[in-house]
Amino acid sequence: MHALIHHTFGEAEDVLALEERPVPQPGPGQVRLRVALSPIHNHDLWTVRGTYGFKPELPAASGTEALGVVDALGDGVEHLVVGQRVATGGTFGAWAEYIVANAAGLIPVPDGLSDESAAQLVSMPFSTISLLQFLDVNEGDWIVQNAANGAVGRMLAQLGAARGVNVLGLVRRSAGVEELRAQGIENVIATDQSDWREQAAALTGGAAIVAGVDSVGGSSAGDVLSLIGEGGTLVAFGAMNSPVMEIASSDVIFKQATVKGFWGSKVIQTMDASTRGALFTELIQRVTDGTLTLPVAGTFDAADIADAVRLSKTPGRVGKALLRF
């Protein structure tokens, strides 16, 4: 079979290449999947670069999420059948024609869900709905996030609206406001406007913002914290621009603010089965009825990984770049 492999850490478009590897065999409690589609996530690119929380040994496989068809069953697997479509969001090495995954962690895909949506169902959408759960906010509450025009930002706005949570979004360009408005997402402010803080106060009507999500780092983290009310929580979700959060001590002290991190893979591992199942059921329902949209920016053959990565890095891109195997 073919798999995308890198022998050194670096930019994915420079170091990844298709190589031949043996077809894996499933062990007890595992299944083999024939991969159909797999999305490119920022954390995949950071892993290839060697800058993520998980650093594989070289030469290394790549990719973490996929839609596949069950191809072979290991001993003891009884709840899945050969030919069944399933999604996985935590199987390292997903950028390959065949992968082996733990059967217990696979999500059966209902017939009404397209391949393109199912391929990106687990990692980002499930992390986003888990993040919303992690924030512990109630209907009518206000939260604020930066990178509102990113994949997670767009999904958090949609899922928040579906639950009755008000989401204030920050983007760095005025054009980003119109881009999101065209997707039906309101309450977005561009921080390149000199009066953006006044705009935020007008949108919220002076209501306290109870939590904020920083996906950017640097001074953008401080912008988010500056809007949070007394006793609020700032959650570090990502660091797209800087690995350092620049926040004002006065905001932390006088607002009695809490700052904590969210790493989806860790949170999901400790989540009880009933909560996990309920969140997946909600996710599938939201995608099926169109409340949550999972657009695709482009689909590429795995051999064209460099072009796919370049699209994935394009500013203003709407939707994921998918790899076809």
C-alpha atoms as a PDB file:
ATOM      1  CA  MET A   1       0.000   0.000   0.000  1.00  0.00           C
ATOM      2  CA  HIS A   2       0.992   3.665  -0.223  1.00  0.00           C
ATOM      3  CA  ALA A   3       1.327   6.022   2.743  1.00  0.00           C
ATOM      4  CA  LEU A   4       2.518   9.611   3.198  1.00  0.00           C
ATOM      5  CA  ILE A   5       5.834   9.474   5.094  1.00  0.00           C
ATOM      6  CA  HIS A   6       8.416  12.046   6.180  1.00  0.00           C
ATOM      7  CA  HIS A   7      12.051  11.294   7.040  1.00  0.00           C
ATOM      8  CA  THR A   8      12.805  14.721   8.509  1.00  0.00           C
ATOM      9  CA  PHE A   9      10.736  17.330  10.308  1.00  0.00           C
ATOM     10  CA  GLY A  10       9.818  20.349   8.232  1.00  0.00           C
ATOM     11  CA  GLU A  11       7.099  21.956   6.149  1.00  0.00           C
ATOM     12  CA  ALA A  12       4.683  19.253   5.004  1.00  0.00           C
ATOM     13  CA  GLU A  13       4.765  20.321   1.356  1.00  0.00           C
ATOM     14  CA  ASP A  14       8.555  19.840   1.374  1.00  0.00           C
ATOM     15  CA  VAL A  15       9.061  16.646   3.379  1.00  0.00           C
ATOM     16  CA  LEU A  16       6.008  14.427   2.782  1.00  0.00           C
ATOM     17  CA  ALA A  17       6.045  11.834   0.003  1.00  0.00           C
ATOM     18  CA  LEU A  18       4.131   8.678  -0.893  1.00  0.00           C
ATOM     19  CA  GLU A  19       6.049   5.515  -0.039  1.00  0.00           C
ATOM     20  CA  GLU A  20       5.206   1.816  -0.129  1.00  0.00           C
ATOM     21  CA  ARG A  21       4.503   0.174   3.200  1.00  0.00           C
ATOM     22  CA  PRO A  22       3.181  -3.284   4.160  1.00  0.00           C
ATOM     23  CA  VAL A  23      -0.580  -3.571   4.496  1.00  0.00           C
ATOM     24  CA  PRO A  24      -1.233  -3.662   8.281  1.00  0.00           C
ATOM     25  CA  GLN A  25      -3.042  -6.532   9.965  1.00  0.00           C
ATOM     26  CA  PRO A  26      -5.629  -5.917  12.705  1.00  0.00           C
ATOM     27  CA  GLY A  27      -5.009  -7.403  16.129  1.00  0.00           C
ATOM     28  CA  PRO A  28      -7.582  -8.269  18.798  1.00  0.00           C
ATOM     29  CA  GLY A  29     -10.137  -5.485  19.202  1.00  0.00           C
ATOM     30  CA  GLN A  30      -8.933  -3.751  16.049  1.00  0.00           C
ATOM     31  CA  VAL A  31     -10.160  -3.342  12.488  1.00  0.00           C
ATOM     32  CA  ARG A  32      -8.432  -2.527   9.226  1.00  0.00           C
ATOM     33  CA  LEU A  33      -9.881   0.361   7.246  1.00  0.00           C
ATOM     34  CA  ARG A  34      -9.588   1.139   3.575  1.00  0.00           C
ATOM     35  CA  VAL A  35      -9.199   4.920   3.764  1.00  0.00           C
ATOM     36  CA  ALA A  36     -11.443   6.964   1.494  1.00  0.00           C
ATOM     37  CA  LEU A  37     -10.909  10.589   2.519  1.00  0.00           C
ATOM     38  CA  SER A  38      -8.770  12.339   5.110  1.00  0.00           C
ATOM     39  CA  PRO A  39      -8.664  16.057   6.021  1.00  0.00           C
ATOM     40  CA  ILE A  40      -5.588  18.193   6.590  1.00  0.00           C
ATOM     41  CA  HIS A  41      -5.599  19.843  10.015  1.00  0.00           C
ATOM     42  CA  ASN A  42      -3.200  22.407  11.449  1.00  0.00           C
ATOM     43  CA  HIS A  43      -2.148  19.918  14.120  1.00  0.00           C
ATOM     44  CA  ASP A  44      -1.189  17.452  11.364  1.00  0.00           C
ATOM     45  CA  LEU A  45       1.082  20.067   9.797  1.00  0.00           C
ATOM     46  CA  TRP A  46       2.551  20.999  13.199  1.00  0.00           C
ATOM     47  CA  THR A  47       3.277  17.313  13.872  1.00  0.00           C
ATOM     48  CA  VAL A  48       5.103  16.986  10.546  1.00  0.00           C
ATOM     49  CA  ARG A  49       7.007  20.146  11.449  1.00  0.00           C
ATOM     50  CA  GLY A  50       7.911  18.659  14.845  1.00  0.00           C
ATOM     51  CA  THR A  51       6.304  21.466  16.851  1.00  0.00           C
ATOM     52  CA  TYR A  52       3.184  19.764  18.230  1.00  0.00           C
ATOM     53  CA  GLY A  53       2.630  18.205  21.666  1.00  0.00           C
ATOM     54  CA  PHE A  54       3.187  14.775  20.086  1.00  0.00           C
ATOM     55  CA  LYS A  55       6.481  14.206  18.234  1.00  0.00           C
ATOM     56  CA  PRO A  56       6.740  10.893  16.349  1.00  0.00           C
ATOM     57  CA  GLU A  57       9.921   8.921  15.702  1.00  0.00           C
ATOM     58  CA  LEU A  58      11.369   9.260  12.197  1.00  0.00           C
ATOM     59  CA  PRO A  59      10.666   8.122   9.574  1.00  0.00           C
ATOM     60  CA  ALA A  60       7.107   8.949  10.513  1.00  0.00           C
ATOM     61  CA  ALA A  61       3.626   8.423   9.195  1.00  0.00           C
ATOM     62  CA  SER A  62       1.200  11.375   9.118  1.00  0.00           C
ATOM     63  CA  GLY A  63      -2.436  12.355   9.404  1.00  0.00           C
ATOM     64  CA  THR A  64      -4.895  11.671  12.212  1.00  0.00           C
ATOM     65  CA  GLU A  65      -8.474  11.671  10.895  1.00  0.00           C
ATOM     66  CA  ALA A  66     -10.176   9.667   8.157  1.00  0.00           C
ATOM     67  CA  LEU A  67     -13.327   8.235   6.736  1.00  0.00           C
ATOM     68  CA  GLY A  68     -12.824   4.598   5.866  1.00  0.00           C
ATOM     69  CA  VAL A  69     -14.584   1.378   5.033  1.00  0.00           C
ATOM     70  CA  VAL A  70     -14.074  -1.604   7.315  1.00  0.00           C
ATOM     71  CA  ASP A  71     -11.867  -4.025   5.389  1.00  0.00           C
ATOM     72  CA  ALA A  72     -10.983  -6.686   7.986  1.00  0.00           C
ATOM     73  CA  LEU A  73     -11.936  -7.467  11.589  1.00  0.00           C
ATOM     74  CA  GLY A  74      -9.630  -8.476  14.400  1.00  0.00           C
ATOM     75  CA  ASP A  75     -10.589 -11.038  17.026  1.00  0.00           C
ATOM     76  CA  GLY A  76     -13.374  -9.986  19.343  1.00  0.00           C
ATOM     77  CA  VAL A  77     -14.861  -7.253  17.161  1.00  0.00           C
ATOM     78  CA  GLU A  78     -18.574  -7.899  16.890  1.00  0.00           C
ATOM     79  CA  HIS A  79     -20.263  -4.468  16.595  1.00  0.00           C
ATOM     80  CA  LEU A  80     -18.800  -3.642  13.163  1.00  0.00           C
ATOM     81  CA  VAL A  81     -19.052  -5.430   9.808  1.00  0.00           C
ATOM     82  CA  VAL A  82     -16.875  -5.526   6.706  1.00  0.00           C
ATOM     83  CA  GLY A  83     -18.025  -2.888   4.237  1.00  0.00           C
ATOM     84  CA  GLN A  84     -19.306  -0.478   6.914  1.00  0.00           C
ATOM     85  CA  ARG A  85     -18.388   3.217   6.731  1.00  0.00           C
ATOM     86  CA  VAL A  86     -16.736   4.523   9.902  1.00  0.00           C
ATOM     87  CA  ALA A  87     -14.916   7.674  10.982  1.00  0.00           C
ATOM     88  CA  THR A  88     -11.833   7.960  13.161  1.00  0.00           C
ATOM     89  CA  GLY A  89     -10.298  11.088  14.613  1.00  0.00           C
ATOM     90  CA  GLY A  90      -7.494   9.668  16.702  1.00  0.00           C
ATOM     91  CA  THR A  91      -5.643   7.171  14.517  1.00  0.00           C
ATOM     92  CA  PHE A  92      -2.117   8.406  13.830  1.00  0.00           C
ATOM     93  CA  GLY A  93      -0.920   7.522  10.330  1.00  0.00           C
ATOM     94  CA  ALA A  94      -4.315   8.107   8.723  1.00  0.00           C
ATOM     95  CA  TRP A  95      -2.734   9.386   5.492  1.00  0.00           C
ATOM     96  CA  ALA A  96      -2.430   5.919   3.999  1.00  0.00           C
ATOM     97  CA  GLU A  97      -4.442   3.538   1.842  1.00  0.00           C
ATOM     98  CA  TYR A  98      -5.002   1.171   4.785  1.00  0.00           C
ATOM     99  CA  ILE A  99      -4.848   1.804   8.517  1.00  0.00           C
ATOM    100  CA  VAL A 100      -5.496  -0.240  11.644  1.00  0.00           C
ATOM    101  CA  ALA A 101      -7.656   1.355  14.327  1.00  0.00           C
ATOM    102  CA  ASN A 102      -9.104   0.361  17.673  1.00  0.00           C
ATOM    103  CA  ALA A 103     -12.686  -0.711  17.013  1.00  0.00           C
ATOM    104  CA  ALA A 104     -14.005   0.877  20.213  1.00  0.00           C
ATOM    105  CA  GLY A 105     -12.995   4.359  19.063  1.00  0.00           C
ATOM    106  CA  LEU A 106     -14.620   4.253  15.627  1.00  0.00           C
ATOM    107  CA  ILE A 107     -17.808   6.166  14.837  1.00  0.00           C
ATOM    108  CA  PRO A 108     -20.312   4.397  12.532  1.00  0.00           C
ATOM    109  CA  VAL A 109     -21.424   6.795   9.801  1.00  0.00           C
ATOM    110  CA  PRO A 110     -25.176   6.974   9.079  1.00  0.00           C
ATOM    111  CA  ASP A 111     -26.329   6.712   5.467  1.00  0.00           C
ATOM    112  CA  GLY A 112     -27.561  10.312   5.382  1.00  0.00           C
ATOM    113  CA  LEU A 113     -24.088  11.749   5.990  1.00  0.00           C
ATOM    114  CA  SER A 114     -21.864  12.429   2.972  1.00  0.00           C
ATOM    115  CA  ASP A 115     -18.302  11.109   2.723  1.00  0.00           C
ATOM    116  CA  GLU A 116     -16.978  14.683   2.754  1.00  0.00           C
ATOM    117  CA  SER A 117     -18.759  15.540   6.015  1.00  0.00           C
ATOM    118  CA  ALA A 118     -17.989  12.205   7.661  1.00  0.00           C
ATOM    119  CA  ALA A 119     -14.276  12.538   6.845  1.00  0.00           C
ATOM    120  CA  GLN A 120     -14.008  15.658   9.014  1.00  0.00           C
ATOM    121  CA  LEU A 121     -16.626  14.839  11.644  1.00  0.00           C
ATOM    122  CA  VAL A 122     -14.429  13.832  14.557  1.00  0.00           C
ATOM    123  CA  SER A 123     -11.339  15.994  15.055  1.00  0.00           C
ATOM    124  CA  MET A 124     -12.464  19.585  14.653  1.00  0.00           C
ATOM    125  CA  PRO A 125     -16.254  19.330  15.140  1.00  0.00           C
ATOM    126  CA  PHE A 126     -15.963  17.028  18.135  1.00  0.00           C
ATOM    127  CA  SER A 127     -13.174  19.138  19.620  1.00  0.00           C
ATOM    128  CA  THR A 128     -15.378  22.204  19.115  1.00  0.00           C
ATOM    129  CA  ILE A 129     -18.476  20.751  20.734  1.00  0.00           C
ATOM    130  CA  SER A 130     -16.264  19.391  23.537  1.00  0.00           C
ATOM    131  CA  LEU A 131     -14.799  22.888  23.920  1.00  0.00           C
ATOM    132  CA  LEU A 132     -18.292  24.333  24.226  1.00  0.00           C
ATOM    133  CA  GLN A 133     -19.017  21.723  26.901  1.00  0.00           C
ATOM    134  CA  PHE A 134     -15.675  22.523  28.593  1.00  0.00           C
ATOM    135  CA  LEU A 135     -16.575  26.224  28.807  1.00  0.00           C
ATOM    136  CA  ASP A 136     -19.584  25.257  30.938  1.00  0.00           C
ATOM    137  CA  VAL A 137     -21.755  28.096  29.650  1.00  0.00           C
ATOM    138  CA  ASN A 138     -25.518  28.392  29.708  1.00  0.00           C
ATOM    139  CA  GLU A 139     -28.194  29.532  27.296  1.00  0.00           C
ATOM    140  CA  GLY A 140     -28.087  33.328  27.046  1.00  0.00           C
ATOM    141  CA  ASP A 141     -24.433  33.631  28.131  1.00  0.00           C
ATOM    142  CA  TRP A 142     -21.891  35.554  26.043  1.00  0.00           C
ATOM    143  CA  ILE A 143     -18.501  34.133  25.044  1.00  0.00           C
ATOM    144  CA  VAL A 144     -15.796  35.652  22.833  1.00  0.00           C
ATOM    145  CA  GLN A 145     -13.315  34.015  20.477  1.00  0.00           C
ATOM    146  CA  ASN A 146     -10.586  35.129  18.096  1.00  0.00           C
ATOM    147  CA  ALA A 147      -9.864  33.417  14.756  1.00  0.00           C
ATOM    148  CA  ALA A 148     -13.630  33.515  14.261  1.00  0.00           C
ATOM    149  CA  ASN A 149     -13.190  32.865  10.529  1.00  0.00           C
ATOM    150  CA  GLY A 150     -11.192  29.670  11.099  1.00  0.00           C
ATOM    151  CA  ALA A 151     -12.776  26.227  10.997  1.00  0.00           C
ATOM    152  CA  VAL A 152     -13.175  25.943  14.764  1.00  0.00           C
ATOM    153  CA  GLY A 153     -14.327  29.553  15.059  1.00  0.00           C
ATOM    154  CA  ARG A 154     -17.047  29.081  12.476  1.00  0.00           C
ATOM    155  CA  MET A 155     -18.221  25.834  14.069  1.00  0.00           C
ATOM    156  CA  LEU A 156     -18.203  27.284  17.584  1.00  0.00           C
ATOM    157  CA  ALA A 157     -20.422  30.132  16.369  1.00  0.00           C
ATOM    158  CA  GLN A 158     -22.849  27.680  14.749  1.00  0.00           C
ATOM    159  CA  LEU A 159     -22.958  25.256  17.675  1.00  0.00           C
ATOM    160  CA  GLY A 160     -23.235  28.091  20.177  1.00  0.00           C
ATOM    161  CA  ALA A 161     -26.173  29.587  18.289  1.00  0.00           C
ATOM    162  CA  ALA A 162     -27.879  26.189  18.181  1.00  0.00           C
ATOM    163  CA  ARG A 163     -27.594  25.981  21.973  1.00  0.00           C
ATOM    164  CA  GLY A 164     -28.664  29.573  22.569  1.00  0.00           C
ATOM    165  CA  VAL A 165     -25.164  30.763  23.555  1.00  0.00           C
ATOM    166  CA  ASN A 166     -24.135  34.183  22.215  1.00  0.00           C
ATOM    167  CA  VAL A 167     -20.740  34.073  20.480  1.00  0.00           C
ATOM    168  CA  LEU A 168     -18.797  37.270  19.792  1.00  0.00           C
ATOM    169  CA  GLY A 169     -16.183  36.660  17.093  1.00  0.00           C
ATOM    170  CA  LEU A 170     -12.964  38.590  16.491  1.00  0.00           C
ATOM    171  CA  VAL A 171     -11.198  38.600  13.115  1.00  0.00           C
ATOM    172  CA  ARG A 172      -8.135  40.529  12.041  1.00  0.00           C
ATOM    173  CA  ARG A 173      -9.462  41.809   8.694  1.00  0.00           C
ATOM    174  CA  SER A 174     -12.633  43.761   7.950  1.00  0.00           C
ATOM    175  CA  ALA A 175     -13.195  41.483   4.959  1.00  0.00           C
ATOM    176  CA  GLY A 176     -13.515  38.571   7.371  1.00  0.00           C
ATOM    177  CA  VAL A 177     -16.679  40.076   8.821  1.00  0.00           C
ATOM    178  CA  GLU A 178     -18.415  39.968   5.454  1.00  0.00           C
ATOM    179  CA  GLU A 179     -17.094  36.481   4.705  1.00  0.00           C
ATOM    180  CA  LEU A 180     -18.707  35.148   7.878  1.00  0.00           C
ATOM    181  CA  ARG A 181     -21.884  37.134   7.370  1.00  0.00           C
ATOM    182  CA  ALA A 182     -22.236  35.458   3.975  1.00  0.00           C
ATOM    183  CA  GLN A 183     -22.184  32.130   5.852  1.00  0.00           C
ATOM    184  CA  GLY A 184     -24.956  33.283   8.187  1.00  0.00           C
ATOM    185  CA  ILE A 185     -22.665  34.085  11.118  1.00  0.00           C
ATOM    186  CA  GLU A 186     -23.253  37.420  12.856  1.00  0.00           C
ATOM    187  CA  ASN A 187     -21.740  39.182  15.915  1.00  0.00           C
ATOM    188  CA  VAL A 188     -18.293  39.443  14.319  1.00  0.00           C
ATOM    189  CA  ILE A 189     -15.893  42.386  14.757  1.00  0.00           C
ATOM    190  CA  ALA A 190     -12.642  43.185  12.949  1.00  0.00           C
ATOM    191  CA  THR A 191      -9.807  44.266  15.237  1.00  0.00           C
ATOM    192  CA  ASP A 192      -8.305  46.402  12.452  1.00  0.00           C
ATOM    193  CA  GLN A 193     -11.064  48.915  13.251  1.00  0.00           C
ATOM    194  CA  SER A 194      -9.963  51.551  15.784  1.00  0.00           C
ATOM    195  CA  ASP A 195     -13.265  51.351  17.659  1.00  0.00           C
ATOM    196  CA  TRP A 196     -13.560  47.568  17.799  1.00  0.00           C
ATOM    197  CA  ARG A 197     -13.862  47.510  21.597  1.00  0.00           C
ATOM    198  CA  GLU A 198     -16.761  49.970  21.451  1.00  0.00           C
ATOM    199  CA  GLN A 199     -18.368  47.789  18.770  1.00  0.00           C
ATOM    200  CA  ALA A 200     -18.032  44.778  21.073  1.00  0.00           C
ATOM    201  CA  ALA A 201     -19.754  46.611  23.922  1.00  0.00           C
ATOM    202  CA  ALA A 202     -22.574  47.670  21.597  1.00  0.00           C
ATOM    203  CA  LEU A 203     -23.101  44.120  20.298  1.00  0.00           C
ATOM    204  CA  THR A 204     -23.284  42.583  23.762  1.00  0.00           C
ATOM    205  CA  GLY A 205     -25.446  45.376  25.116  1.00  0.00           C
ATOM    206  CA  GLY A 206     -23.099  45.654  28.061  1.00  0.00           C
ATOM    207  CA  ALA A 207     -23.679  42.049  29.133  1.00  0.00           C
ATOM    208  CA  ALA A 208     -20.748  40.347  30.871  1.00  0.00           C
ATOM    209  CA  ILE A 209     -18.697  37.986  28.708  1.00  0.00           C
ATOM    210  CA  VAL A 210     -18.169  34.894  30.840  1.00  0.00           C
ATOM    211  CA  ALA A 211     -15.522  33.065  28.794  1.00  0.00           C
ATOM    212  CA  GLY A 212     -13.126  33.533  25.917  1.00  0.00           C
ATOM    213  CA  VAL A 213     -11.235  31.256  23.533  1.00  0.00           C
ATOM    214  CA  ASP A 214      -7.788  32.130  22.186  1.00  0.00           C
ATOM    215  CA  SER A 215      -6.646  30.234  19.100  1.00  0.00           C
ATOM    216  CA  VAL A 216      -4.014  32.745  17.977  1.00  0.00           C
ATOM    217  CA  GLY A 217      -1.639  33.579  20.830  1.00  0.00           C
ATOM    218  CA  GLY A 218       0.477  36.717  21.064  1.00  0.00           C
ATOM    219  CA  SER A 219      -1.316  40.007  21.701  1.00  0.00           C
ATOM    220  CA  SER A 220      -4.551  38.505  20.351  1.00  0.00           C
ATOM    221  CA  ALA A 221      -4.840  36.503  23.573  1.00  0.00           C
ATOM    222  CA  GLY A 222      -4.756  39.746  25.506  1.00  0.00           C
ATOM    223  CA  ASP A 223      -7.460  41.217  23.268  1.00  0.00           C
ATOM    224  CA  VAL A 224      -9.759  38.321  24.159  1.00  0.00           C
ATOM    225  CA  LEU A 225      -9.011  38.573  27.890  1.00  0.00           C
ATOM    226  CA  SER A 226      -9.624  42.335  27.839  1.00  0.00           C
ATOM    227  CA  LEU A 227     -13.256  41.719  26.880  1.00  0.00           C
ATOM    228  CA  ILE A 228     -13.979  39.035  29.493  1.00  0.00           C
ATOM    229  CA  GLY A 229     -15.914  40.068  32.581  1.00  0.00           C
ATOM    230  CA  GLU A 230     -15.052  39.622  36.247  1.00  0.00           C
ATOM    231  CA  GLY A 231     -14.599  36.002  37.242  1.00  0.00           C
ATOM    232  CA  GLY A 232     -14.408  34.923  33.599  1.00  0.00           C
ATOM    233  CA  THR A 233     -12.263  32.231  32.012  1.00  0.00           C
ATOM    234  CA  LEU A 234      -9.751  32.469  29.157  1.00  0.00           C
ATOM    235  CA  VAL A 235      -9.136  29.141  27.407  1.00  0.00           C
ATOM    236  CA  ALA A 236      -6.029  28.616  25.279  1.00  0.00           C
ATOM    237  CA  PHE A 237      -7.108  26.444  22.347  1.00  0.00           C
ATOM    238  CA  GLY A 238      -4.359  27.089  19.788  1.00  0.00           C
ATOM    239  CA  ALA A 239      -1.351  29.231  18.899  1.00  0.00           C
ATOM    240  CA  MET A 240      -1.596  29.969  15.203  1.00  0.00           C
ATOM    241  CA  ASN A 241       0.473  33.162  15.356  1.00  0.00           C
ATOM    242  CA  SER A 242       2.630  32.837  18.456  1.00  0.00           C
ATOM    243  CA  PRO A 243       3.455  30.201  21.077  1.00  0.00           C
ATOM    244  CA  VAL A 244       3.439  32.962  23.708  1.00  0.00           C
ATOM    245  CA  MET A 245       0.240  34.462  25.153  1.00  0.00           C
ATOM    246  CA  GLU A 246       0.603  38.193  25.825  1.00  0.00           C
ATOM    247  CA  ILE A 247      -1.960  38.997  28.518  1.00  0.00           C
ATOM    248  CA  ALA A 248      -2.125  41.914  30.946  1.00  0.00           C
ATOM    249  CA  SER A 249      -1.478  41.065  34.583  1.00  0.00           C
ATOM    250  CA  SER A 250      -4.051  43.708  35.520  1.00  0.00           C
ATOM    251  CA  ASP A 251      -6.753  41.825  33.612  1.00  0.00           C
ATOM    252  CA  VAL A 252      -5.897  38.582  35.397  1.00  0.00           C
ATOM    253  CA  ILE A 253      -5.658  40.224  38.839  1.00  0.00           C
ATOM    254  CA  PHE A 254      -8.512  42.708  38.870  1.00  0.00           C
ATOM    255  CA  LYS A 255     -10.938  40.506  36.958  1.00  0.00           C
ATOM    256  CA  GLN A 256      -9.958  37.473  39.057  1.00  0.00           C
ATOM    257  CA  ALA A 257      -9.743  35.666  35.734  1.00  0.00           C
ATOM    258  CA  THR A 258      -8.894  32.000  35.221  1.00  0.00           C
ATOM    259  CA  VAL A 259      -6.569  30.955  32.379  1.00  0.00           C
ATOM    260  CA  LYS A 260      -6.508  27.312  31.342  1.00  0.00           C
ATOM    261  CA  GLY A 261      -5.662  25.162  28.356  1.00  0.00           C
ATOM    262  CA  PHE A 262      -7.794  22.861  26.232  1.00  0.00           C
ATOM    263  CA  TRP A 263      -6.256  19.940  24.335  1.00  0.00           C
ATOM    264  CA  GLY A 264      -9.016  17.987  22.634  1.00  0.00           C
ATOM    265  CA  SER A 265      -7.301  14.602  22.649  1.00  0.00           C
ATOM    266  CA  LYS A 266      -6.717  14.795  26.419  1.00  0.00           C
ATOM    267  CA  VAL A 267     -10.209  16.052  27.220  1.00  0.00           C
ATOM    268  CA  ILE A 268     -11.843  13.370  25.083  1.00  0.00           C
ATOM    269  CA  GLN A 269      -9.790  10.605  26.742  1.00  0.00           C
ATOM    270  CA  THR A 270     -11.183  11.527  30.157  1.00  0.00           C
ATOM    271  CA  MET A 271     -14.766  12.076  28.987  1.00  0.00           C
ATOM    272  CA  ASP A 272     -17.305   9.535  30.202  1.00  0.00           C
ATOM    273  CA  ALA A 273     -18.917   7.324  27.559  1.00  0.00           C
ATOM    274  CA  SER A 274     -22.436   8.699  28.001  1.00  0.00           C
ATOM    275  CA  THR A 275     -21.315  12.321  27.477  1.00  0.00           C
ATOM    276  CA  ARG A 276     -19.185  11.334  24.499  1.00  0.00           C
ATOM    277  CA  GLY A 277     -22.095   9.464  22.916  1.00  0.00           C
ATOM    278  CA  ALA A 278     -24.519  12.331  23.506  1.00  0.00           C
ATOM    279  CA  LEU A 279     -22.148  14.852  21.931  1.00  0.00           C
ATOM    280  CA  PHE A 280     -21.599  12.690  18.846  1.00  0.00           C
ATOM    281  CA  THR A 281     -25.352  12.206  18.490  1.00  0.00           C
ATOM    282  CA  GLU A 282     -25.831  15.978  18.648  1.00  0.00           C
ATOM    283  CA  LEU A 283     -23.013  16.552  16.153  1.00  0.00           C
ATOM    284  CA  ILE A 284     -24.405  14.142  13.580  1.00  0.00           C
ATOM    285  CA  GLN A 285     -27.866  15.675  13.967  1.00  0.00           C
ATOM    286  CA  ARG A 286     -26.514  19.227  13.554  1.00  0.00           C
ATOM    287  CA  VAL A 287     -24.585  18.279  10.403  1.00  0.00           C
ATOM    288  CA  THR A 288     -27.490  16.305   8.953  1.00  0.00           C
ATOM    289  CA  ASP A 289     -30.006  19.132   9.429  1.00  0.00           C
ATOM    290  CA  GLY A 290     -27.574  21.788   8.170  1.00  0.00           C
ATOM    291  CA  THR A 291     -27.204  23.659  11.470  1.00  0.00           C
ATOM    292  CA  LEU A 292     -23.491  22.828  11.400  1.00  0.00           C
ATOM    293  CA  THR A 293     -21.791  23.048   8.006  1.00  0.00           C
ATOM    294  CA  LEU A 294     -18.528  21.307   7.089  1.00  0.00           C
ATOM    295  CA  PRO A 295     -17.445  22.833   3.773  1.00  0.00           C
ATOM    296  CA  VAL A 296     -14.659  21.448   1.596  1.00  0.00           C
ATOM    297  CA  ALA A 297     -12.137  23.796  -0.019  1.00  0.00           C
ATOM    298  CA  GLY A 298     -10.761  21.117  -2.328  1.00  0.00           C
ATOM    299  CA  THR A 299     -10.115  17.386  -2.699  1.00  0.00           C
ATOM    300  CA  PHE A 300      -6.724  16.085  -3.837  1.00  0.00           C
ATOM    301  CA  ASP A 301      -5.130  12.748  -4.664  1.00  0.00           C
ATOM    302  CA  ALA A 302      -2.616  11.842  -1.962  1.00  0.00           C
ATOM    303  CA  ALA A 303       0.185  12.168  -4.514  1.00  0.00           C
ATOM    304  CA  ASP A 304      -0.665  15.871  -4.762  1.00  0.00           C
ATOM    305  CA  ILE A 305      -0.025  16.459  -1.068  1.00  0.00           C
ATOM    306  CA  ALA A 306       2.051  19.604  -1.698  1.00  0.00           C
ATOM    307  CA  ASP A 307      -0.822  21.313  -3.533  1.00  0.00           C
ATOM    308  CA  ALA A 308      -3.271  20.208  -0.835  1.00  0.00           C
ATOM    309  CA  VAL A 309      -1.063  21.636   1.934  1.00  0.00           C
ATOM    310  CA  ARG A 310      -0.655  24.924   0.086  1.00  0.00           C
ATOM    311  CA  LEU A 311      -4.445  25.241  -0.172  1.00  0.00           C
ATOM    312  CA  SER A 312      -4.777  24.361   3.512  1.00  0.00           C
ATOM    313  CA  LYS A 313      -2.431  27.248   4.372  1.00  0.00           C
ATOM    314  CA  THR A 314      -4.238  29.792   2.167  1.00  0.00           C
ATOM    315  CA  PRO A 315      -5.616  32.756   4.174  1.00  0.00           C
ATOM    316  CA  GLY A 316      -9.370  33.187   3.884  1.00  0.00           C
ATOM    317  CA  ARG A 317      -9.892  29.590   2.800  1.00  0.00           C
ATOM    318  CA  VAL A 318     -13.376  28.290   3.600  1.00  0.00           C
ATOM    319  CA  GLY A 319     -13.471  24.579   4.342  1.00  0.00           C
ATOM    320  CA  LYS A 320     -10.938  21.796   4.668  1.00  0.00           C
ATOM    321  CA  ALA A 321      -8.538  20.386   2.116  1.00  0.00           C
ATOM    322  CA  LEU A 322      -9.225  16.648   1.804  1.00  0.00           C
ATOM    323  CA  LEU A 323      -6.892  13.899   0.645  1.00  0.00           C
ATOM    324  CA  ARG A 324      -8.238  11.038  -1.468  1.00  0.00           C
ATOM    325  CA  PHE A 325      -6.679   7.558  -1.120  1.00  0.00           C
END
